[in-house]
């Protein structure tokens, strides 16, 4: 069973009330739900929130809501509480081989096929999975907001970094992406249920603190993160200005 969970909180620092923001006549959370429901791989789609306004808007759409704590540091933690509550309330049977897909609540135009391509590899042996895309510009490569990934021969993550890695000796940095296949992280996560429980019990790790990337906590603890290449470029919404850009793009 693969459960799609959409973490949604009201109190965004840069954009309070973001999940309820209007995008072409529909709220952002409604658009995310509609796209997730089109994915053929998901057994169930639920929203995990700590806010009554979001919960009411979602219930009006006929979608299940799980009320979670307000102090979760990450969407991963909110996903675990939501999954655990679904099992406790008897809404799903619950199994260590279940998978939870963390579907970002600020990507209103996520392609359902992107969800399905990640779900394809969830065969019970995969502990954690996420996606990557090719870096196609020097600007992207050297942008610290873009997490870059070093991958082994099994398409498992060796390291995530805000820096461009590896360092290309003797090559000008603005040419690195032309001389080596760099990958950037695309933030759709899949967790096997038993692993999700374990990683949410881990304390923040040294590398995680340094880079501000929670994936490093899992790698430092010895967990394996499988990578799937995607060609989907989904715009996310971090500010009201991003909504205008999306609407002007014709999506």
Protein backbone atom coordinates (compact mmCIF):
# COMPACT_ATOMS: atom_id res chain seq x y z
CA UNK A 1 0.00 0.00 0.00
CA UNK A 2 1.24 3.48 -0.90
CA UNK A 3 -0.27 6.38 1.01
CA UNK A 4 0.05 9.91 -0.35
CA UNK A 5 0.31 12.41 2.51
CA UNK A 6 0.28 16.15 1.86
CA UNK A 7 1.71 18.10 4.81
CA UNK A 8 0.09 21.54 5.00
CA UNK A 9 0.67 24.17 7.65
CA UNK A 10 -0.81 27.64 7.85
CA UNK A 11 2.06 29.46 9.55
CA UNK A 12 4.58 29.95 6.76
CA UNK A 13 7.01 32.73 7.64
CA UNK A 14 7.21 34.15 4.12
CA UNK A 15 3.64 33.33 3.09
CA UNK A 16 1.13 32.82 5.93
CA UNK A 17 -1.95 30.88 4.86
CA UNK A 18 -0.20 29.59 1.75
CA UNK A 19 -2.23 26.35 1.40
CA UNK A 20 -5.43 28.39 1.12
CA UNK A 21 -4.06 30.93 -1.37
CA UNK A 22 -6.21 31.30 -4.48
CA UNK A 23 -4.65 30.14 -7.75
CA UNK A 24 -6.96 30.68 -10.68
CA UNK A 25 -10.12 30.10 -8.66
CA UNK A 26 -8.91 27.13 -6.62
CA UNK A 27 -6.95 27.00 -3.39
CA UNK A 28 -3.40 25.73 -3.57
CA UNK A 29 -4.20 22.73 -1.39
CA UNK A 30 -7.12 21.81 -3.65
CA UNK A 31 -4.86 21.83 -6.69
CA UNK A 32 -2.27 19.62 -4.97
CA UNK A 33 -5.01 17.17 -3.90
CA UNK A 34 -6.50 17.01 -7.38
CA UNK A 35 -3.12 16.27 -8.95
CA UNK A 36 -2.26 13.64 -6.34
CA UNK A 37 -5.61 11.91 -6.84
CA UNK A 38 -4.79 11.47 -10.54
CA UNK A 39 -1.76 9.32 -9.69
CA UNK A 40 -2.58 5.66 -10.28
CA UNK A 41 -0.09 4.33 -7.72
CA UNK A 42 -1.62 5.80 -4.56
CA UNK A 43 -4.05 3.77 -2.45
CA UNK A 44 -5.13 6.83 -0.49
CA UNK A 45 -4.47 10.59 -0.37
CA UNK A 46 -4.76 12.51 2.89
CA UNK A 47 -3.80 15.96 4.14
CA UNK A 48 -1.85 16.34 7.38
CA UNK A 49 -2.30 19.73 9.01
CA UNK A 50 -2.32 21.50 12.37
CA UNK A 51 -4.77 24.21 11.31
CA UNK A 52 -8.57 24.10 11.54
CA UNK A 53 -9.01 26.43 8.55
CA UNK A 54 -7.04 24.15 6.27
CA UNK A 55 -8.77 21.08 7.69
CA UNK A 56 -12.23 22.52 7.02
CA UNK A 57 -11.33 23.50 3.46
CA UNK A 58 -10.03 19.99 2.78
CA UNK A 59 -13.06 18.27 4.32
CA UNK A 60 -15.32 20.32 2.06
CA UNK A 61 -13.50 18.68 -0.85
CA UNK A 62 -14.39 15.24 0.55
CA UNK A 63 -10.77 14.40 1.38
CA UNK A 64 -9.54 12.85 4.64
CA UNK A 65 -7.65 15.10 7.04
CA UNK A 66 -5.36 14.09 9.89
CA UNK A 67 -4.85 16.73 12.57
CA UNK A 68 -1.23 16.78 13.71
CA UNK A 69 0.88 18.65 16.24
CA UNK A 70 1.99 22.19 15.44
CA UNK A 71 5.61 21.79 16.52
CA UNK A 72 6.90 19.43 13.83
CA UNK A 73 10.27 20.64 12.50
CA UNK A 74 9.82 18.96 9.10
CA UNK A 75 7.21 17.53 6.78
CA UNK A 76 8.76 14.11 7.36
CA UNK A 77 7.82 14.28 11.04
CA UNK A 78 4.30 15.39 10.18
CA UNK A 79 3.97 12.50 7.72
CA UNK A 80 4.90 9.97 10.40
CA UNK A 81 2.36 11.31 12.89
CA UNK A 82 -0.32 11.31 10.18
CA UNK A 83 0.45 7.73 9.11
CA UNK A 84 0.55 6.54 12.73
CA UNK A 85 -2.83 8.15 13.41
CA UNK A 86 -4.36 6.62 10.29
CA UNK A 87 -3.34 3.19 11.54
CA UNK A 88 -4.48 3.89 15.12
CA UNK A 89 -7.88 5.10 13.91
CA UNK A 90 -8.35 2.05 11.71
CA UNK A 91 -8.47 4.05 8.46
CA UNK A 92 -5.68 1.88 7.04
CA UNK A 93 -4.51 -1.55 8.14
CA UNK A 94 -0.87 -0.60 8.57
CA UNK A 95 2.15 -2.71 7.63
CA UNK A 96 5.91 -2.29 7.86
CA UNK A 97 5.99 -2.71 4.08
CA UNK A 98 3.62 0.22 3.47
CA UNK A 99 5.09 3.28 1.81
CA UNK A 100 4.34 6.90 2.52
CA UNK A 101 4.81 9.49 -0.22
CA UNK A 102 5.42 13.00 1.06
CA UNK A 103 3.76 15.22 -1.55
CA UNK A 104 4.79 18.84 -1.16
CA UNK A 105 1.84 21.09 -0.36
CA UNK A 106 3.34 24.05 -2.21
CA UNK A 107 3.52 22.41 -5.66
CA UNK A 108 -0.01 22.94 -7.02
CA UNK A 109 0.88 21.71 -10.51
CA UNK A 110 2.81 18.57 -9.66
CA UNK A 111 2.39 16.05 -12.48
CA UNK A 112 0.71 12.79 -11.38
CA UNK A 113 3.18 10.91 -13.56
CA UNK A 114 6.00 12.24 -11.40
CA UNK A 115 4.40 10.58 -8.38
CA UNK A 116 3.91 7.34 -10.28
CA UNK A 117 7.50 7.18 -11.55
CA UNK A 118 8.82 7.36 -7.98
CA UNK A 119 6.29 4.76 -6.82
CA UNK A 120 7.51 2.33 -9.50
CA UNK A 121 10.64 1.41 -7.53
CA UNK A 122 8.92 0.87 -4.16
CA UNK A 123 9.30 -2.90 -4.09
CA UNK A 124 9.57 -3.49 -0.35
CA UNK A 125 13.37 -3.52 -0.28
CA UNK A 126 13.73 0.23 -0.84
CA UNK A 127 14.07 2.06 2.48
CA UNK A 128 13.84 5.65 1.29
CA UNK A 129 13.52 7.19 -2.15
CA UNK A 130 13.47 10.57 -3.77
CA UNK A 131 14.08 12.14 -7.17
CA UNK A 132 16.83 13.98 -8.98
CA UNK A 133 17.13 16.02 -12.15
CA UNK A 134 20.05 16.99 -14.34
CA UNK A 135 21.75 20.31 -13.59
CA UNK A 136 21.78 22.25 -16.85
CA UNK A 137 23.29 25.60 -15.91
CA UNK A 138 26.11 27.07 -13.87
CA UNK A 139 23.60 29.26 -12.05
CA UNK A 140 21.67 26.23 -10.85
CA UNK A 141 24.81 24.32 -9.96
CA UNK A 142 26.17 27.06 -7.73
CA UNK A 143 22.83 28.10 -6.20
CA UNK A 144 22.90 27.09 -2.49
CA UNK A 145 19.10 26.79 -2.50
CA UNK A 146 19.48 23.81 -4.86
CA UNK A 147 20.69 20.64 -3.11
CA UNK A 148 23.12 18.69 -5.27
CA UNK A 149 23.54 14.92 -5.03
CA UNK A 150 26.45 12.52 -5.45
CA UNK A 151 25.13 9.10 -6.50
CA UNK A 152 26.72 5.63 -6.49
CA UNK A 153 26.43 2.91 -9.15
CA UNK A 154 23.23 1.62 -7.53
CA UNK A 155 21.52 5.03 -7.85
CA UNK A 156 21.76 5.53 -4.10
CA UNK A 157 22.70 8.86 -2.59
CA UNK A 158 26.24 9.15 -1.24
CA UNK A 159 25.81 12.77 -0.19
CA UNK A 160 23.60 15.83 -0.54
CA UNK A 161 25.14 19.30 -0.46
CA UNK A 162 24.29 22.92 -1.11
CA UNK A 163 27.75 23.20 -2.67
CA UNK A 164 28.62 21.95 -6.13
CA UNK A 165 30.16 18.53 -5.65
CA UNK A 166 32.40 17.02 -6.84
CA UNK A 167 34.96 19.77 -7.30
CA UNK A 168 36.39 19.75 -10.83
CA UNK A 169 40.11 20.37 -10.55
CA UNK A 170 41.54 22.61 -13.27
CA UNK A 171 38.14 23.56 -14.73
CA UNK A 172 36.47 26.96 -14.43
CA UNK A 173 33.40 26.67 -12.15
CA UNK A 174 31.05 28.10 -14.78
CA UNK A 175 31.96 25.15 -17.03
CA UNK A 176 31.59 22.36 -14.49
CA UNK A 177 28.07 21.37 -15.56
CA UNK A 178 29.37 20.94 -19.13
CA UNK A 179 32.18 18.60 -18.09
CA UNK A 180 30.41 16.40 -15.52
CA UNK A 181 26.87 15.07 -15.01
CA UNK A 182 25.63 16.89 -11.92
CA UNK A 183 22.29 16.15 -10.29
CA UNK A 184 20.02 18.31 -8.16
CA UNK A 185 17.45 17.11 -5.66
CA UNK A 186 13.73 17.13 -6.51
CA UNK A 187 11.82 17.03 -3.25
CA UNK A 188 9.28 14.23 -3.58
CA UNK A 189 10.01 11.68 -0.83
CA UNK A 190 8.97 8.07 -0.33
CA UNK A 191 9.51 6.32 3.00
CA UNK A 192 8.93 2.68 3.92
CA UNK A 193 6.71 2.82 6.99
CA UNK A 194 9.09 1.08 9.38
CA UNK A 195 11.98 3.30 8.24
CA UNK A 196 9.86 6.44 8.53
CA UNK A 197 9.22 5.65 12.18
CA UNK A 198 12.93 5.14 12.83
CA UNK A 199 14.24 8.26 11.09
CA UNK A 200 11.82 10.50 12.96
CA UNK A 201 13.33 9.28 16.22
CA UNK A 202 16.85 10.31 15.20
CA UNK A 203 18.34 13.49 16.68
CA UNK A 204 19.61 16.15 14.25
CA UNK A 205 23.03 15.15 12.94
CA UNK A 206 26.20 17.23 12.54
CA UNK A 207 26.10 17.29 8.74
CA UNK A 208 22.39 18.05 8.76
CA UNK A 209 23.00 21.08 10.97
CA UNK A 210 25.85 22.31 8.79
CA UNK A 211 24.03 21.99 5.46
CA UNK A 212 20.44 22.37 6.75
CA UNK A 213 19.42 19.23 4.83
CA UNK A 214 17.51 16.57 6.77
CA UNK A 215 18.46 13.84 4.28
CA UNK A 216 21.98 13.90 5.68
CA UNK A 217 20.68 12.73 9.06
CA UNK A 218 19.40 9.57 7.42
CA UNK A 219 22.62 8.93 5.50
CA UNK A 220 24.74 9.50 8.61
CA UNK A 221 22.60 6.93 10.43
CA UNK A 222 23.27 4.36 7.70
CA UNK A 223 19.98 4.41 5.79
CA UNK A 224 19.93 4.08 2.01
CA UNK A 225 18.20 6.65 -0.19
CA UNK A 226 17.33 5.43 -3.69
CA UNK A 227 17.29 8.04 -6.48
CA UNK A 228 14.99 8.16 -9.50
CA UNK A 229 15.75 10.52 -12.37
CA UNK A 230 12.86 12.76 -13.37
CA UNK A 231 12.36 15.19 -16.22
CA UNK A 232 9.38 16.88 -14.59
CA UNK A 233 9.99 20.49 -13.60
CA UNK A 234 7.31 21.41 -11.07
CA UNK A 235 7.16 25.04 -9.91
CA UNK A 236 6.81 25.53 -6.18
CA UNK A 237 5.21 28.48 -4.41
CA UNK A 238 7.27 30.29 -1.78
CA UNK A 239 5.71 33.75 -2.04
CA UNK A 240 2.63 35.50 -3.53
CA UNK A 241 4.85 36.63 -6.42
CA UNK A 242 5.39 32.98 -7.38
CA UNK A 243 1.66 32.59 -7.95
CA UNK A 244 1.70 35.44 -10.45
CA UNK A 245 4.62 33.86 -12.28
CA UNK A 246 2.83 30.51 -12.46
CA UNK A 247 -0.38 32.07 -13.79
CA UNK A 248 1.53 34.10 -16.37
CA UNK A 249 3.29 30.93 -17.53
CA UNK A 250 -0.06 29.48 -18.59
CA UNK A 251 -0.05 26.42 -16.32
